[in-house]
Every structure is written in structure tokens, then in C-alpha cells.
Amino acid sequence: MDPLRNEVADLVQQTCKIPPIAAADYGKPLKAMGIDSLDAASIFLAVMERYGVAVADEQIELLNCVDKIADHIASQRP
């Protein structure tokens, strides 16, 4: 499995204080995991702090699962 996806899943789990996310659920919408917009904002702040990758406001709704967040981070890295 992709280490970046695993890291993002751990970051989401720790930031939002939810149970661990199974790899099979990496494509599951964050809302379906009980993550609200305030939690999502905390996730993207943590992404910026940990990976140095900014998330524009218009991208937030599009980055709605672990897979998409990990893809965004990977696309923004040098």
C-alpha cells in the first residue's frame, strides 16, 4: 500500500479523533466517516503544517477522501 495514503489516513484519524481508517475506506467520503467541515479545516491545516502543501478554499470540497488528499499532496511535492 502507498505509504503516503497510510500517513494521510493516520493524520485524519489523529486530527479528528476517529477510529483508525482501513485501507479499503481510503476512497470513502470524509463526511461518511463523521467528519464535519470544522474537522476538515483542521485536517487541511495539519496537511499544510506537515507536508508544506497548501489547499485552496475551492479545493476543499473536492478533496473529500484520504485518496484525494494524498493525490493532492503528491501532485504538489517537488
Foldseek 3Di string as FASTA:
>chain_A
DDVLLQVLQVLLCVLVVAPRDDPVCQVPFPVVSVQDPVSLVSSQVVCCVPQVAHDDPVCSVVCGGSVSVSVSSVVPDD
